[in-house]
Amino acid sequence: MKSTHRIRTVRSGFLAACCVVLVAGCSSTDADPAPEQAASSNEVTIAVTPTTTTVVDAGTEPRRVLAFDTDGQDEQNIDLTTTSTVQQQINNGALQDFSSPELTVPLSASTSDTVPDDDAATGATRSVELTIGAATSPDEGLTDALSASEGSTARLASTDSGAITALHITPAEAALDTARAAIERSLNAAVYRSIDFPDAEVGVGAVWTVDQQVLSGITLNQRTTVTLRALDGDRASLDIAITQSPESTTWNLPDNSGTLNIASYTFTGSGTLDIDLNQPLPVAGSISAGGEQMYTDPDSTTVLRQTVGDSTTWGAR
């Protein structure tokens, strides 16, 4: 009974971790603390783990360094749609579904070269300012809750190569907690499904990897493999492949609840992104990922199985 209870105590902690992993959120420690709250406002700041970019194949000539240049550009209007599914089963028990509703967030984006000192310390050279429009969901209850969030703002600290180093979110004063959490998950998805360009010259056919850790109770090593499928002026068409693997074979449960053995872990994804180097956000594309995991209690035969998935889609409006 004690061991089964240990597995059941995972649910709240695991779901918190899964939400972070699936939508690519992250914290600065394995304990996954709440995002830092600014003292003078309701702004929430979420640190983003650093990336390492490695060129595998430089591609064909002509080659060039691909970097964002958004100075003087008009405001970009784009819709971000995210989904997240989480299903779990303990032993032969009933399948439990803890998925989050699909969410579409209209974003208006502009870029400033004025970077706050805290963001500059992370290597950021650009500040992408976001205004959130009327977000919607097939879940009517969530859509109703989201109505008060219109006009919320966010800021991405970014480098010229596209690497995001921090996410700041300022909810509208009347925003409900459920809507705040949903929007935060969606923006986190955008962050951890984004790509950055190498600082070396590349041409069509180039392949590079972007390595990043996702810290969510379980430390996950995420590798995004990017292929430059086409380049037309400043518009790049990219093929994306994602893999995640746990750094350890043990999961330290939240709140010092014990440990579980990671018996198996698969998580892969793929998709495409269209990037305009004169626009701060992707102009089109979709990436889907998912996998299955199995965890075992070291003191019993109790087994926890998880099936997870997510998608991130960009569409012009």
Protein backbone atom coordinates (compact mmCIF):
# COMPACT_ATOMS: atom_id res chain seq x y z
CA MET A 1 0.00 0.00 0.00
CA LYS A 2 2.80 2.41 0.85
CA SER A 3 4.49 1.90 -2.51
CA THR A 4 1.25 2.36 -4.43
CA HIS A 5 0.66 5.56 -2.46
CA ARG A 6 4.14 6.73 -3.46
CA ILE A 7 3.20 6.29 -7.13
CA ARG A 8 -0.09 8.10 -6.62
CA THR A 9 1.68 11.05 -5.03
CA VAL A 10 3.50 11.49 -8.34
CA ARG A 11 0.42 12.67 -10.13
CA SER A 12 0.43 16.33 -9.17
CA GLY A 13 4.21 16.62 -9.35
CA PHE A 14 4.46 14.67 -12.56
CA LEU A 15 1.76 16.69 -14.26
CA ALA A 16 3.52 19.89 -13.29
CA ALA A 17 6.71 18.47 -14.75
CA CYS A 18 4.95 17.21 -17.86
CA CYS A 19 3.36 20.57 -18.54
CA VAL A 20 6.82 22.10 -18.40
CA VAL A 21 8.37 19.46 -20.63
CA LEU A 22 5.57 19.24 -23.14
CA VAL A 23 5.26 22.90 -23.79
CA ALA A 24 8.95 23.32 -23.31
CA GLY A 25 8.90 25.35 -20.18
CA CYS A 26 11.77 25.34 -17.82
CA SER A 27 13.08 26.56 -14.53
CA SER A 28 16.59 27.19 -13.33
CA THR A 29 16.67 24.20 -10.98
CA ASP A 30 15.52 20.60 -10.92
CA ALA A 31 13.08 21.50 -8.15
CA ASP A 32 11.09 23.49 -10.72
CA PRO A 33 10.17 26.45 -8.50
CA ALA A 34 7.46 28.94 -9.40
CA PRO A 35 8.53 31.63 -11.87
CA GLU A 36 10.15 34.68 -10.31
CA GLN A 37 7.69 37.50 -9.65
CA ALA A 38 8.86 41.08 -10.18
CA ALA A 39 8.56 43.15 -7.02
CA SER A 40 7.11 46.25 -8.64
CA SER A 41 4.52 44.70 -10.96
CA ASN A 42 2.73 41.47 -11.79
CA GLU A 43 5.40 40.62 -14.38
CA VAL A 44 6.58 37.00 -14.27
CA THR A 45 10.13 36.25 -15.44
CA ILE A 46 11.05 32.76 -16.59
CA ALA A 47 14.71 32.00 -17.22
CA VAL A 48 15.53 29.87 -20.24
CA THR A 49 18.35 27.34 -20.29
CA PRO A 50 21.21 28.14 -22.71
CA THR A 51 21.63 26.46 -26.07
CA THR A 52 24.66 25.06 -27.86
CA THR A 53 24.59 25.14 -31.66
CA THR A 54 26.85 22.89 -33.74
CA VAL A 55 27.11 22.80 -37.54
CA VAL A 56 27.03 19.25 -38.92
CA ASP A 57 27.01 20.16 -42.64
CA ALA A 58 27.54 23.70 -43.96
CA GLY A 59 25.41 23.06 -47.06
CA THR A 60 25.98 24.23 -50.60
CA GLU A 61 27.38 27.49 -51.90
CA PRO A 62 26.55 30.33 -51.69
CA ARG A 63 26.76 30.42 -47.91
CA ARG A 64 26.07 33.24 -45.46
CA VAL A 65 25.59 33.90 -41.79
CA LEU A 66 21.87 33.90 -41.01
CA ALA A 67 20.97 36.47 -38.37
CA PHE A 68 17.83 38.43 -37.52
CA ASP A 69 17.64 42.06 -38.59
CA THR A 70 14.23 43.46 -37.61
CA ASP A 71 15.11 47.13 -37.26
CA GLY A 72 12.45 49.44 -38.68
CA GLN A 73 10.07 46.62 -39.58
CA ASP A 74 6.30 46.89 -39.20
CA GLU A 75 4.56 45.08 -36.37
CA GLN A 76 4.18 41.34 -37.03
CA ASN A 77 0.77 39.75 -36.42
CA ILE A 78 0.72 35.97 -36.00
CA ASP A 79 -1.37 33.28 -34.31
CA LEU A 80 0.30 30.75 -32.01
CA THR A 81 -1.67 27.53 -31.48
CA THR A 82 -0.54 24.92 -28.97
CA THR A 83 -1.80 21.55 -27.76
CA SER A 84 -0.61 19.35 -24.91
CA THR A 85 -1.72 15.80 -24.05
CA VAL A 86 -0.91 13.82 -20.91
CA GLN A 87 -2.35 10.36 -20.19
CA GLN A 88 -1.26 8.10 -17.40
CA GLN A 89 -1.98 4.64 -16.04
CA ILE A 90 -0.94 3.10 -12.71
CA ASN A 91 -0.52 -0.67 -13.05
CA ASN A 92 -3.71 -1.95 -14.72
CA GLY A 93 -5.85 0.87 -13.42
CA ALA A 94 -8.07 3.14 -15.45
CA LEU A 95 -6.41 5.44 -17.98
CA GLN A 96 -6.38 9.02 -16.68
CA ASP A 97 -6.35 12.01 -19.02
CA PHE A 98 -4.77 15.26 -17.84
CA SER A 99 -4.46 16.97 -21.22
CA SER A 100 -4.67 20.74 -21.63
CA PRO A 101 -7.16 22.24 -24.09
CA GLU A 102 -5.92 23.53 -27.44
CA LEU A 103 -5.18 27.25 -27.24
CA THR A 104 -4.79 29.87 -29.97
CA VAL A 105 -3.05 33.07 -28.90
CA PRO A 106 -2.98 36.05 -31.30
CA LEU A 107 0.33 37.89 -30.98
CA SER A 108 1.46 41.30 -32.20
CA ALA A 109 5.25 41.48 -32.14
CA SER A 110 7.81 44.23 -32.51
CA THR A 111 11.52 44.38 -31.78
CA SER A 112 13.66 46.79 -29.82
CA ASP A 113 17.44 46.92 -29.61
CA THR A 114 17.11 48.36 -26.11
CA VAL A 115 17.70 45.38 -23.83
CA PRO A 116 17.21 45.61 -20.03
CA ASP A 117 20.38 45.02 -18.04
CA ASP A 118 19.19 41.69 -16.62
CA ASP A 119 18.49 40.35 -20.10
CA ALA A 120 21.73 41.75 -21.52
CA ALA A 121 23.58 39.77 -18.84
CA THR A 122 22.25 36.57 -20.45
CA GLY A 123 23.69 37.53 -23.83
CA ALA A 124 20.48 38.94 -25.28
CA THR A 125 20.85 41.64 -27.93
CA ARG A 126 17.19 42.11 -28.86
CA SER A 127 13.94 42.52 -26.99
CA VAL A 128 10.84 41.13 -28.72
CA GLU A 129 7.75 42.89 -27.36
CA LEU A 130 4.50 40.92 -27.57
CA THR A 131 0.90 42.07 -27.15
CA ILE A 132 -1.61 39.28 -26.59
CA GLY A 133 -4.96 39.50 -28.35
CA ALA A 134 -8.22 37.64 -27.74
CA ALA A 135 -7.06 34.06 -27.13
CA THR A 136 -9.52 31.25 -27.89
CA SER A 137 -9.95 27.54 -27.27
CA PRO A 138 -12.40 24.79 -28.28
CA ASP A 139 -12.97 24.56 -24.52
CA GLU A 140 -15.71 27.16 -23.95
CA GLY A 141 -14.91 27.49 -20.27
CA LEU A 142 -11.29 28.35 -21.02
CA THR A 143 -12.29 30.79 -23.76
CA ASP A 144 -14.57 32.58 -21.28
CA ALA A 145 -11.72 32.74 -18.74
CA LEU A 146 -9.35 34.09 -21.39
CA SER A 147 -11.50 37.12 -22.23
CA ALA A 148 -10.01 39.19 -19.40
CA SER A 149 -6.45 38.39 -20.56
CA GLU A 150 -6.68 40.37 -23.79
CA GLY A 151 -4.09 43.14 -23.69
CA SER A 152 -1.61 41.13 -21.61
CA THR A 153 1.98 41.63 -22.73
CA ALA A 154 5.15 39.58 -22.88
CA ARG A 155 8.78 40.08 -23.76
CA LEU A 156 11.34 37.68 -25.22
CA ALA A 157 15.01 38.36 -24.62
CA SER A 158 16.79 37.09 -27.71
CA THR A 159 20.11 37.10 -29.53
CA ASP A 160 20.60 38.02 -33.18
CA SER A 161 20.89 34.29 -33.93
CA GLY A 162 17.41 33.69 -32.50
CA ALA A 163 18.37 32.07 -29.19
CA ILE A 164 15.85 33.04 -26.50
CA THR A 165 17.41 33.67 -23.09
CA ALA A 166 14.41 34.78 -21.02
CA LEU A 167 10.64 35.08 -21.16
CA HIS A 168 8.78 37.85 -19.33
CA ILE A 169 4.97 37.84 -19.05
CA THR A 170 2.82 40.67 -17.70
CA PRO A 171 -0.81 39.53 -17.39
CA ALA A 172 -3.63 42.04 -17.66
CA GLU A 173 -4.76 43.13 -14.20
CA ALA A 174 -8.11 41.33 -14.49
CA ALA A 175 -6.67 38.11 -15.94
CA LEU A 176 -7.85 34.92 -14.22
CA ASP A 177 -5.32 32.40 -12.90
CA THR A 178 -6.50 29.65 -15.28
CA ALA A 179 -6.03 31.95 -18.26
CA ARG A 180 -2.63 33.15 -17.02
CA ALA A 181 -1.43 29.56 -16.69
CA ALA A 182 -2.73 28.60 -20.15
CA ILE A 183 -1.04 31.56 -21.84
CA GLU A 184 2.19 30.90 -19.95
CA ARG A 185 2.19 27.28 -21.15
CA SER A 186 1.60 28.41 -24.72
CA LEU A 187 4.43 30.94 -24.70
CA ASN A 188 6.73 28.38 -23.10
CA ALA A 189 5.91 26.10 -26.00
CA ALA A 190 7.04 28.79 -28.40
CA VAL A 191 10.31 29.20 -26.52
CA TYR A 192 11.31 25.54 -26.40
CA ARG A 193 10.18 24.82 -29.94
CA SER A 194 12.13 27.78 -31.31
CA ILE A 195 15.46 27.44 -33.11
CA ASP A 196 18.62 29.48 -33.34
CA PHE A 197 20.98 29.82 -36.26
CA PRO A 198 24.68 29.00 -36.11
CA ASP A 199 27.23 31.82 -36.17
CA ALA A 200 28.97 30.17 -39.15
CA GLU A 201 28.12 30.62 -42.82
CA VAL A 202 25.59 28.07 -44.11
CA GLY A 203 23.81 27.35 -47.37
CA VAL A 204 20.88 25.29 -48.61
CA GLY A 205 21.11 21.74 -47.30
CA ALA A 206 22.97 22.81 -44.16
CA VAL A 207 22.36 20.79 -41.01
CA TRP A 208 23.01 21.94 -37.46
CA THR A 209 22.04 20.79 -33.97
CA VAL A 210 20.75 22.85 -31.06
CA ASP A 211 21.33 21.20 -27.67
CA GLN A 212 19.48 22.40 -24.58
CA GLN A 213 18.52 20.99 -21.20
CA VAL A 214 14.91 20.98 -20.07
CA LEU A 215 14.81 20.96 -16.27
CA SER A 216 11.52 19.71 -14.87
CA GLY A 217 12.23 17.38 -12.00
CA ILE A 218 13.73 15.04 -14.55
CA THR A 219 16.69 16.63 -16.31
CA LEU A 220 16.12 16.06 -20.02
CA ASN A 221 18.68 16.55 -22.77
CA GLN A 222 16.88 17.95 -25.80
CA ARG A 223 18.48 17.97 -29.23
CA THR A 224 16.87 19.82 -32.13
CA THR A 225 18.30 18.97 -35.54
CA VAL A 226 17.67 21.69 -38.13
CA THR A 227 17.99 21.33 -41.90
CA LEU A 228 17.96 24.40 -44.13
CA ARG A 229 15.63 23.13 -46.86
CA ALA A 230 15.36 26.40 -48.82
CA LEU A 231 16.59 29.99 -48.64
CA ASP A 232 14.88 32.76 -50.60
CA GLY A 233 16.39 36.12 -49.73
CA ASP A 234 15.83 36.49 -45.99
CA ARG A 235 13.21 33.73 -45.78
CA ALA A 236 14.46 30.35 -44.58
CA SER A 237 12.46 27.11 -44.75
CA LEU A 238 13.59 24.66 -42.08
CA ASP A 239 12.96 20.99 -41.36
CA ILE A 240 12.97 20.22 -37.64
CA ALA A 241 13.61 16.95 -35.75
CA ILE A 242 13.53 16.72 -31.95
CA THR A 243 14.70 14.08 -29.49
CA GLN A 244 14.72 14.10 -25.70
CA SER A 245 16.45 11.70 -23.34
CA PRO A 246 16.75 11.72 -19.54
CA GLU A 247 20.17 12.50 -18.16
CA SER A 248 19.67 10.01 -15.32
CA THR A 249 17.84 6.71 -14.86
CA THR A 250 16.25 7.99 -11.63
CA TRP A 251 13.50 10.53 -11.12
CA ASN A 252 13.61 12.46 -7.84
CA LEU A 253 9.96 13.14 -7.07
CA PRO A 254 8.72 16.61 -6.08
CA ASP A 255 8.56 17.58 -2.40
CA ASN A 256 11.06 14.89 -1.39
CA SER A 257 8.44 12.19 -2.04
CA GLY A 258 11.06 9.60 -2.95
CA THR A 259 12.39 8.33 -6.26
CA LEU A 260 11.19 6.34 -9.25
CA ASN A 261 13.28 4.36 -11.70
CA ILE A 262 12.99 5.51 -15.31
CA ALA A 263 12.43 2.12 -16.94
CA SER A 264 11.94 3.52 -20.44
CA TYR A 265 11.70 6.96 -22.00
CA THR A 266 10.97 7.94 -25.60
CA PHE A 267 10.16 11.40 -26.90
CA THR A 268 10.64 12.51 -30.50
CA GLY A 269 9.16 15.11 -32.81
CA SER A 270 9.34 16.68 -36.24
CA GLY A 271 7.95 19.51 -38.29
CA THR A 272 8.79 22.59 -40.33
CA LEU A 273 9.31 26.29 -39.67
CA ASP A 274 9.39 29.23 -42.06
CA ILE A 275 11.56 32.04 -40.71
CA ASP A 276 11.73 35.57 -42.10
CA LEU A 277 14.90 37.16 -40.75
CA ASN A 278 13.13 40.52 -40.87
CA GLN A 279 10.35 39.30 -38.56
CA PRO A 280 10.83 38.44 -34.86
CA LEU A 281 8.61 35.32 -34.81
CA PRO A 282 8.19 32.38 -37.25
CA VAL A 283 5.86 33.25 -40.12
CA ALA A 284 4.52 29.70 -40.59
CA GLY A 285 5.10 26.13 -39.57
CA SER A 286 4.14 23.39 -37.16
CA ILE A 287 6.06 20.99 -34.91
CA SER A 288 4.55 17.94 -33.21
CA ALA A 289 6.26 15.71 -30.66
CA GLY A 290 5.36 12.91 -28.31
CA GLY A 291 6.39 9.70 -26.66
CA GLU A 292 5.86 7.13 -23.96
CA GLN A 293 7.53 6.71 -20.61
CA MET A 294 7.45 4.03 -17.94
CA TYR A 295 8.45 4.54 -14.30
CA THR A 296 8.78 1.88 -11.62
CA ASP A 297 8.80 2.05 -7.84
CA PRO A 298 12.14 0.69 -6.57
CA ASP A 299 10.37 -0.85 -3.55
CA SER A 300 7.51 -2.65 -5.32
CA THR A 301 6.17 -3.86 -8.65
CA THR A 302 4.03 -0.74 -9.13
CA VAL A 303 4.37 0.78 -12.58
CA LEU A 304 3.43 4.24 -13.84
CA ARG A 305 2.98 4.58 -17.62
CA GLN A 306 2.70 7.90 -19.42
CA THR A 307 1.75 8.83 -22.97
CA VAL A 308 2.48 12.46 -23.78
CA GLY A 309 2.40 14.75 -26.79
CA ASP A 310 2.40 18.38 -27.88
CA SER A 311 2.17 20.55 -30.96
CA THR A 312 3.08 24.14 -31.76
CA THR A 313 1.73 25.86 -34.86
CA TRP A 314 2.34 29.33 -36.29
CA GLY A 315 -0.17 30.86 -38.72
CA ALA A 316 -0.47 34.33 -40.23
CA ARG A 317 -3.62 36.36 -39.64
